[in-house]
Amino acid sequence: MPERPAGRLLRPSALVFDVLETLFPLAPLEWRFREAGIPRVLMPRWSAHLLRDSFALTLTSGDAPDGPSPGDRSFEDVARGTLRDITGHQIAPSAEDAVIAGMAGLDPRPEAAAALLAAREAGLRVATLSNHDGLLPRTLLERAGLLDLVEDVLAVHPAGRWKPMPGAYRAAARSLEVSPERLALVTAHGWDVAGARTARLVTGWSSHLEGRFPSAFAPPDVSGRDLAETVDGLLELPR
């Protein structure tokens, strides 16, 4: 894991929030699985396989001389493909559509609005950063009444540049017109922290999903029990 540049860690001037499992938990999708006749225990397996296949596509993008590039895949393509895989390709098309559509109906974490508002009121630029196209995050934020609290909804596309590739985070810094060292990522994923750290972002990790930070990665700059506590920790960094 590369070391940070010499110097004191400073309070960021902008924040980007991860979306799925950070601002919006996936667990409520379990009822969609049940309605589709899919054992609810397969929901976490689907989530894990979705991450696995997304990472593999990111690493192998451009290495498919005899067919479509992995980078041509959309997040929804991967989500649908992994859903078919974990059900042994026995899922009905209507059930598949219902699960995917359910992602747009997820509710935010209880403290999500407070975390976004705290960053905005402190004068920081605030955006979201996710691997899917901008439609799903925008739909979720608008439905939850949170869209006005973010300046931009940043999407990483194609798959070859998905998080946790460092370029995804650097592109976010360019979009927000800040240096990577003055941009902070707020996420519930240890792998996301690792990618952002490699890109030299400030990192804030909320433990609400994983409980303990994964030991494979260097620790985050700031951690909290939830999003609000994580943002508060970032705001307390010296200016």
Protein backbone atom coordinates (compact mmCIF):
# COMPACT_ATOMS: atom_id res chain seq x y z
CA MET A 1 0.00 0.00 0.00
CA PRO A 2 1.62 3.30 -1.05
CA GLU A 3 2.38 5.80 1.65
CA ARG A 4 0.84 9.25 1.70
CA PRO A 5 2.88 12.26 0.69
CA ALA A 6 4.82 13.83 3.52
CA GLY A 7 2.82 16.37 5.47
CA ARG A 8 -0.06 16.66 7.85
CA LEU A 9 -3.44 15.25 6.95
CA LEU A 10 -5.80 18.17 6.38
CA ARG A 11 -9.54 18.56 6.49
CA PRO A 12 -10.94 17.91 2.99
CA SER A 13 -12.64 20.58 0.93
CA ALA A 14 -14.97 18.07 -0.76
CA LEU A 15 -16.57 14.71 0.07
CA VAL A 16 -17.78 11.89 -2.16
CA PHE A 17 -20.13 9.31 -0.69
CA ASP A 18 -20.38 5.73 -1.91
CA VAL A 19 -24.02 4.82 -2.57
CA LEU A 20 -25.00 1.15 -2.20
CA GLU A 21 -24.50 -0.22 1.33
CA THR A 22 -23.12 3.17 2.41
CA LEU A 23 -26.00 5.60 1.97
CA PHE A 24 -28.55 2.94 0.92
CA PRO A 25 -28.51 -0.56 2.53
CA LEU A 26 -29.18 -3.53 0.25
CA ALA A 27 -30.65 -5.75 2.99
CA PRO A 28 -34.29 -4.74 2.28
CA LEU A 29 -33.97 -6.45 -1.11
CA GLU A 30 -34.38 -9.75 0.75
CA TRP A 31 -38.16 -9.41 0.53
CA ARG A 32 -37.88 -9.10 -3.25
CA PHE A 33 -35.99 -12.39 -3.24
CA ARG A 34 -38.70 -14.01 -1.14
CA GLU A 35 -41.45 -12.70 -3.42
CA ALA A 36 -39.56 -14.13 -6.40
CA GLY A 37 -39.36 -17.51 -4.71
CA ILE A 38 -35.59 -17.23 -4.18
CA PRO A 39 -34.21 -18.22 -0.76
CA ARG A 40 -33.38 -15.05 1.14
CA VAL A 41 -29.96 -16.47 2.07
CA LEU A 42 -28.98 -15.99 -1.56
CA MET A 43 -29.23 -12.19 -1.27
CA PRO A 44 -25.85 -11.76 0.50
CA ARG A 45 -24.33 -14.29 -1.90
CA TRP A 46 -25.61 -12.25 -4.82
CA SER A 47 -24.11 -9.09 -3.32
CA ALA A 48 -20.75 -10.81 -2.81
CA HIS A 49 -20.73 -12.25 -6.35
CA LEU A 50 -21.67 -8.86 -7.75
CA LEU A 51 -18.59 -7.33 -6.15
CA ARG A 52 -16.40 -10.24 -7.23
CA ASP A 53 -17.44 -10.05 -10.87
CA SER A 54 -17.23 -6.25 -10.92
CA PHE A 55 -13.66 -6.41 -9.65
CA ALA A 56 -12.76 -9.08 -12.22
CA LEU A 57 -14.19 -7.01 -15.07
CA THR A 58 -12.28 -3.99 -13.85
CA LEU A 59 -9.01 -5.91 -13.85
CA THR A 60 -9.54 -7.63 -17.21
CA SER A 61 -11.02 -4.76 -19.19
CA GLY A 62 -9.47 -4.54 -22.62
CA ASP A 63 -8.16 -8.13 -22.56
CA ALA A 64 -10.87 -9.70 -24.70
CA PRO A 65 -9.54 -9.74 -28.30
CA ASP A 66 -12.14 -12.25 -29.55
CA GLY A 67 -15.27 -10.66 -28.14
CA PRO A 68 -16.80 -7.62 -26.48
CA SER A 69 -14.56 -5.84 -24.06
CA PRO A 70 -15.41 -6.39 -20.37
CA GLY A 71 -15.41 -2.62 -20.17
CA ASP A 72 -18.58 -2.59 -22.27
CA ARG A 73 -20.57 -4.16 -19.44
CA SER A 74 -22.87 -1.94 -17.39
CA PHE A 75 -23.44 -2.35 -13.67
CA GLU A 76 -26.94 -3.62 -14.40
CA ASP A 77 -25.51 -6.22 -16.80
CA VAL A 78 -23.31 -7.56 -14.01
CA ALA A 79 -26.11 -7.41 -11.44
CA ARG A 80 -28.43 -9.39 -13.69
CA GLY A 81 -25.74 -11.89 -14.66
CA THR A 82 -24.76 -12.64 -11.08
CA LEU A 83 -28.43 -12.98 -10.13
CA ARG A 84 -28.84 -15.66 -12.79
CA ASP A 85 -25.63 -17.38 -11.71
CA ILE A 86 -26.48 -17.68 -8.01
CA THR A 87 -29.94 -19.07 -8.87
CA GLY A 88 -28.55 -21.63 -11.31
CA HIS A 89 -30.17 -19.72 -14.19
CA GLN A 90 -33.57 -20.83 -12.88
CA ILE A 91 -34.92 -17.35 -12.15
CA ALA A 92 -37.88 -16.22 -14.22
CA PRO A 93 -37.38 -13.03 -16.25
CA SER A 94 -40.19 -11.31 -14.33
CA ALA A 95 -38.58 -12.20 -10.99
CA GLU A 96 -35.21 -10.96 -12.22
CA ASP A 97 -36.79 -7.67 -13.28
CA ALA A 98 -38.50 -7.34 -9.89
CA VAL A 99 -35.23 -7.73 -7.97
CA ILE A 100 -33.36 -5.27 -10.18
CA ALA A 101 -36.24 -2.78 -10.04
CA GLY A 102 -36.22 -3.09 -6.26
CA MET A 103 -32.80 -1.47 -6.13
CA ALA A 104 -34.41 1.83 -7.12
CA GLY A 105 -36.77 1.61 -4.12
CA LEU A 106 -34.16 1.30 -1.38
CA ASP A 107 -34.40 3.62 1.62
CA PRO A 108 -31.41 5.53 3.01
CA ARG A 109 -29.78 4.93 6.36
CA PRO A 110 -31.42 6.95 9.17
CA GLU A 111 -28.41 9.26 9.55
CA ALA A 112 -27.73 9.72 5.82
CA ALA A 113 -29.43 13.11 5.59
CA ALA A 114 -27.67 14.41 8.71
CA ALA A 115 -24.27 13.31 7.37
CA LEU A 116 -24.81 15.00 4.01
CA LEU A 117 -26.19 18.14 5.62
CA ALA A 118 -23.30 18.41 8.09
CA ALA A 119 -20.80 18.37 5.24
CA ARG A 120 -22.75 20.96 3.25
CA GLU A 121 -23.18 23.28 6.24
CA ALA A 122 -19.44 23.08 6.89
CA GLY A 123 -18.85 24.50 3.42
CA LEU A 124 -17.65 21.29 1.75
CA ARG A 125 -18.59 20.29 -1.76
CA VAL A 126 -20.58 17.05 -1.63
CA ALA A 127 -21.15 14.42 -4.31
CA THR A 128 -21.77 10.70 -4.67
CA LEU A 129 -19.46 8.28 -6.47
CA SER A 130 -20.59 4.85 -7.62
CA ASN A 131 -19.80 2.20 -10.22
CA HIS A 132 -23.25 2.18 -11.79
CA ASP A 133 -24.50 4.83 -14.17
CA GLY A 134 -25.90 8.01 -12.68
CA LEU A 135 -29.57 7.04 -13.08
CA LEU A 136 -29.86 4.65 -10.12
CA PRO A 137 -28.06 6.89 -7.57
CA ARG A 138 -30.00 9.91 -8.77
CA THR A 139 -33.29 8.03 -8.50
CA LEU A 140 -32.45 6.85 -4.98
CA LEU A 141 -31.40 10.30 -3.82
CA GLU A 142 -34.42 12.01 -5.35
CA ARG A 143 -36.85 9.47 -3.91
CA ALA A 144 -35.30 9.92 -0.45
CA GLY A 145 -35.37 13.72 -0.66
CA LEU A 146 -31.55 13.88 -0.56
CA LEU A 147 -30.77 15.05 -4.09
CA ASP A 148 -30.65 18.72 -3.08
CA LEU A 149 -27.92 17.89 -0.54
CA VAL A 150 -25.42 16.77 -3.20
CA GLU A 151 -23.76 18.92 -5.79
CA ASP A 152 -23.16 16.12 -8.28
CA VAL A 153 -23.91 12.46 -8.89
CA LEU A 154 -20.70 11.02 -10.27
CA ALA A 155 -20.72 7.70 -12.12
CA VAL A 156 -17.73 5.58 -13.08
CA HIS A 157 -18.02 4.11 -16.57
CA PRO A 158 -16.99 1.94 -18.34
CA ALA A 159 -16.15 -1.10 -16.20
CA GLY A 160 -12.45 -0.74 -16.89
CA ARG A 161 -12.39 2.34 -14.69
CA TRP A 162 -14.69 1.14 -11.90
CA LYS A 163 -13.73 1.53 -8.27
CA PRO A 164 -11.42 0.49 -6.68
CA MET A 165 -9.18 1.45 -9.61
CA PRO A 166 -7.33 4.62 -8.53
CA GLY A 167 -8.37 6.42 -11.71
CA ALA A 168 -12.02 6.37 -10.61
CA TYR A 169 -11.22 8.46 -7.53
CA ARG A 170 -8.86 10.79 -9.39
CA ALA A 171 -11.58 11.41 -11.98
CA ALA A 172 -13.92 12.41 -9.15
CA ALA A 173 -11.34 14.87 -7.87
CA ARG A 174 -11.04 16.39 -11.33
CA SER A 175 -14.82 16.68 -11.65
CA LEU A 176 -15.00 18.53 -8.33
CA GLU A 177 -11.93 20.62 -9.18
CA VAL A 178 -9.97 19.65 -6.07
CA SER A 179 -6.67 17.86 -5.60
CA PRO A 180 -6.98 14.21 -4.51
CA GLU A 181 -5.42 15.10 -1.14
CA ARG A 182 -8.31 17.50 -0.44
CA LEU A 183 -11.05 15.06 -1.45
CA ALA A 184 -12.42 12.54 1.07
CA LEU A 185 -14.30 9.34 0.37
CA VAL A 186 -17.02 8.26 2.80
CA THR A 187 -17.77 4.56 2.46
CA ALA A 188 -18.79 1.43 4.33
CA HIS A 189 -16.46 -0.79 2.27
CA GLY A 190 -12.89 -1.60 3.23
CA TRP A 191 -11.98 -2.27 -0.41
CA ASP A 192 -13.25 1.21 -1.31
CA VAL A 193 -10.99 2.74 1.35
CA ALA A 194 -8.04 0.83 -0.12
CA GLY A 195 -8.71 2.14 -3.62
CA ALA A 196 -9.19 5.72 -2.48
CA ARG A 197 -6.05 5.59 -0.36
CA THR A 198 -4.05 4.43 -3.38
CA ALA A 199 -5.38 7.48 -5.23
CA ARG A 200 -4.23 9.64 -2.26
CA LEU A 201 -7.71 10.65 -1.11
CA VAL A 202 -8.56 11.19 2.54
CA THR A 203 -10.57 8.17 3.67
CA GLY A 204 -13.56 7.94 6.01
CA TRP A 205 -15.00 4.52 6.85
CA SER A 206 -18.32 3.82 8.57
CA SER A 207 -18.40 0.50 10.43
CA HIS A 208 -22.16 -0.03 10.09
CA LEU A 209 -21.74 -2.70 7.38
CA GLU A 210 -18.53 -4.60 8.11
CA GLY A 211 -18.20 -4.08 11.85
CA ARG A 212 -14.43 -4.42 11.86
CA PHE A 213 -12.19 -2.90 9.24
CA PRO A 214 -10.70 -5.61 6.98
CA SER A 215 -7.21 -6.50 8.17
CA ALA A 216 -5.91 -6.87 4.61
CA PHE A 217 -5.92 -3.10 4.11
CA ALA A 218 -4.22 -0.12 5.70
CA PRO A 219 -6.68 1.54 8.10
CA PRO A 220 -8.79 4.54 7.10
CA ASP A 221 -7.85 8.06 8.13
CA VAL A 222 -11.14 8.43 10.00
CA SER A 223 -13.69 5.87 11.12
CA GLY A 224 -17.06 6.06 12.84
CA ARG A 225 -19.93 3.90 13.96
CA ASP A 226 -22.17 5.44 11.31
CA LEU A 227 -22.08 8.00 8.53
CA ALA A 228 -22.72 11.00 10.78
CA GLU A 229 -19.87 10.10 13.12
CA THR A 230 -17.56 9.46 10.17
CA VAL A 231 -18.32 12.84 8.61
CA ASP A 232 -17.88 14.56 11.98
CA GLY A 233 -14.43 12.97 12.24
CA LEU A 234 -13.45 14.28 8.80
CA LEU A 235 -14.67 17.76 9.70
CA GLU A 236 -12.52 17.71 12.84
CA LEU A 237 -9.30 17.30 10.85
CA PRO A 238 -7.06 20.40 10.98
CA ARG A 239 -7.52 22.98 8.25
